[in-house]
Amino acid sequence: MTIDPQSYRETLGAFATGVTVVTGVMPEDGRPAGVTVSSFAAVSLAPPLILFCLGRGAACFDAFVHGERFAINVLTEDQLILSERFASRTDDKFEDVTFVTGASGCPLLPACLATLECTRTEVHDGGDHVIIIGRIDRMQRGEGRPLLHFRGGYDRIAPHA
């Protein structure tokens, strides 16, 4: 059976995911780097490992494949603009974006649902993507409701009755 790429994308889009911005530092010049990612998952409790998938064509590819550290910023439903900014092809995604530098040296976005500072432990081939695994070194939780990606767009969880 041949899988049509568009049909594949639409079918997998039926799985709602949270939205993150993964941040790091470009190894060649120390500039902050970031990209919107919805393919993020827990891997292990002991040791605490997570993974995310990154397209090989991402402008910030080197920051995450060659950089030692990265941060996962889990977005709230009020941070859709940040998601769109870091998903764009804008040259300086951090222009006019407030952030603090974490202990990892990575940019941390404020008011996120969660922030995880990680050390990269492995990079695996994933076809047109790479799978990056990291050990969590520090984490913090925030407040709010998650921003969701569903069927090619953004969505929200309905409020509790």
Protein backbone atom coordinates (compact mmCIF):
# COMPACT_ATOMS: atom_id res chain seq x y z
CA MET A 1 0.00 0.00 0.00
CA THR A 2 1.28 3.46 -0.90
CA ILE A 3 0.71 6.18 1.69
CA ASP A 4 -0.14 9.56 0.21
CA PRO A 5 1.77 12.27 2.17
CA GLN A 6 -1.22 14.64 2.35
CA SER A 7 -3.57 11.88 3.50
CA TYR A 8 -0.95 10.78 6.06
CA ARG A 9 -0.69 14.33 7.42
CA GLU A 10 -4.49 14.72 7.63
CA THR A 11 -4.94 11.34 9.31
CA LEU A 12 -2.29 11.98 11.97
CA GLY A 13 -3.78 15.45 12.47
CA ALA A 14 -6.72 13.73 14.16
CA PHE A 15 -4.42 13.21 17.15
CA ALA A 16 -4.56 16.39 19.26
CA THR A 17 -1.22 17.43 20.70
CA GLY A 18 0.08 20.16 22.93
CA VAL A 19 2.23 22.88 21.42
CA THR A 20 5.77 23.66 22.55
CA VAL A 21 8.51 26.05 21.58
CA VAL A 22 11.90 24.38 21.82
CA THR A 23 14.70 26.87 22.47
CA GLY A 24 18.46 26.64 22.41
CA VAL A 25 21.57 28.46 21.27
CA MET A 26 23.17 28.42 17.83
CA PRO A 27 26.60 26.79 18.31
CA GLU A 28 28.44 28.99 15.79
CA ASP A 29 27.60 32.39 17.27
CA GLY A 30 25.57 31.98 20.49
CA ARG A 31 22.37 33.52 19.07
CA PRO A 32 19.13 32.27 20.63
CA ALA A 33 17.27 29.73 18.51
CA GLY A 34 13.72 28.44 18.70
CA VAL A 35 11.13 26.44 16.82
CA THR A 36 7.50 25.44 17.37
CA VAL A 37 7.17 21.68 17.91
CA SER A 38 4.11 19.54 18.54
CA SER A 39 5.91 16.19 18.36
CA PHE A 40 7.07 16.07 21.99
CA ALA A 41 6.75 13.14 24.41
CA ALA A 42 7.94 11.68 27.67
CA VAL A 43 10.35 8.75 27.25
CA SER A 44 11.42 7.64 30.73
CA LEU A 45 10.86 8.46 34.41
CA ALA A 46 14.21 7.11 35.60
CA PRO A 47 16.21 8.76 34.27
CA PRO A 48 13.82 11.60 33.33
CA LEU A 49 14.00 11.66 29.52
CA ILE A 50 11.89 13.42 26.89
CA LEU A 51 12.01 13.55 23.10
CA PHE A 52 11.03 15.88 20.33
CA CYS A 53 11.20 15.56 16.56
CA LEU A 54 12.80 18.23 14.39
CA GLY A 55 12.61 18.59 10.61
CA ARG A 56 15.97 18.38 8.87
CA GLY A 57 15.23 21.64 7.04
CA ALA A 58 14.73 23.72 10.20
CA ALA A 59 16.88 26.87 10.20
CA CYS A 60 17.84 26.13 13.82
CA PHE A 61 18.73 22.48 13.15
CA ASP A 62 22.34 22.87 14.35
CA ALA A 63 21.28 24.39 17.68
CA PHE A 64 19.56 21.16 18.66
CA VAL A 65 21.57 18.49 16.86
CA HIS A 66 25.00 19.92 17.82
CA GLY A 67 24.14 22.04 20.87
CA GLU A 68 24.41 20.32 24.24
CA ARG A 69 21.37 21.88 25.86
CA PHE A 70 17.81 22.87 24.97
CA ALA A 71 14.60 23.91 26.70
CA ILE A 72 11.01 22.83 26.11
CA ASN A 73 8.44 25.61 26.69
CA VAL A 74 4.89 24.17 26.86
CA LEU A 75 2.53 26.88 25.61
CA THR A 76 -0.77 28.03 27.09
CA GLU A 77 -3.84 28.77 25.00
CA ASP A 78 -2.98 32.47 25.36
CA GLN A 79 0.38 32.00 23.62
CA LEU A 80 -0.82 31.25 20.09
CA ILE A 81 1.13 34.26 18.78
CA LEU A 82 4.37 32.76 20.14
CA SER A 83 3.57 29.46 18.44
CA GLU A 84 3.01 31.18 15.10
CA ARG A 85 6.14 33.32 15.46
CA PHE A 86 8.42 30.35 16.17
CA ALA A 87 6.76 28.32 13.39
CA SER A 88 7.46 31.09 10.88
CA ARG A 89 10.53 31.59 8.69
CA THR A 90 11.27 34.94 10.38
CA ASP A 91 15.02 35.52 10.63
CA ASP A 92 15.07 36.81 14.21
CA LYS A 93 12.30 34.94 16.02
CA PHE A 94 13.33 36.51 19.34
CA GLU A 95 12.92 40.13 18.17
CA ASP A 96 10.51 41.78 20.64
CA VAL A 97 10.00 38.46 22.49
CA THR A 98 10.50 38.56 26.25
CA PHE A 99 12.60 35.73 27.67
CA VAL A 100 15.04 34.96 30.45
CA THR A 101 18.18 32.90 30.12
CA GLY A 102 17.93 29.69 32.12
CA ALA A 103 20.70 27.93 34.03
CA SER A 104 21.17 25.85 30.86
CA GLY A 105 22.01 29.00 28.88
CA CYS A 106 18.83 28.53 26.83
CA PRO A 107 16.08 31.13 26.40
CA LEU A 108 13.03 30.43 28.60
CA LEU A 109 9.68 31.93 27.63
CA PRO A 110 7.57 33.42 30.45
CA ALA A 111 4.11 32.27 31.58
CA CYS A 112 4.30 28.78 30.03
CA LEU A 113 2.44 25.74 31.37
CA ALA A 114 5.79 24.06 31.92
CA THR A 115 9.44 24.64 31.14
CA LEU A 116 12.00 21.85 31.00
CA GLU A 117 15.72 22.52 30.68
CA CYS A 118 17.46 19.51 29.16
CA THR A 119 20.82 18.09 28.18
CA ARG A 120 20.82 16.36 24.78
CA THR A 121 21.70 12.69 25.18
CA GLU A 122 20.92 11.17 21.77
CA VAL A 123 19.96 12.04 18.20
CA HIS A 124 18.31 9.38 16.02
CA ASP A 125 17.39 9.25 12.35
CA GLY A 126 13.68 9.74 11.78
CA GLY A 127 13.36 9.98 8.00
CA ASP A 128 12.91 13.64 7.07
CA HIS A 129 13.19 14.46 10.80
CA VAL A 130 15.58 13.66 13.61
CA ILE A 131 14.48 12.42 17.01
CA ILE A 132 16.25 14.27 19.80
CA ILE A 133 16.29 12.78 23.29
CA GLY A 134 17.20 14.84 26.31
CA ARG A 135 17.62 14.34 30.05
CA ILE A 136 15.65 16.83 32.14
CA ASP A 137 17.97 18.85 34.39
CA ARG A 138 15.48 21.42 35.71
CA MET A 139 11.76 21.96 35.35
CA GLN A 140 9.00 24.23 36.52
CA ARG A 141 5.23 24.29 36.17
CA GLY A 142 3.02 27.27 35.48
CA GLU A 143 -0.71 27.89 35.36
CA GLY A 144 -3.24 28.00 32.54
CA ARG A 145 -4.78 25.83 29.89
CA PRO A 146 -2.87 24.21 27.01
CA LEU A 147 -2.66 25.38 23.44
CA LEU A 148 -3.57 22.42 21.22
CA HIS A 149 -2.74 21.52 17.64
CA PHE A 150 -5.55 19.58 15.95
CA ARG A 151 -6.33 18.85 12.30
CA GLY A 152 -3.82 21.36 10.99
CA GLY A 153 -4.89 24.23 13.22
CA TYR A 154 -5.14 25.39 16.80
CA ASP A 155 -7.80 24.36 19.29
CA ARG A 156 -8.64 24.64 22.97
CA ILE A 157 -9.95 22.34 25.62
CA ALA A 158 -13.55 23.18 26.48
CA PRO A 159 -13.97 24.65 29.96
CA HIS A 160 -15.18 22.29 32.67
CA ALA A 161 -18.92 22.43 33.29
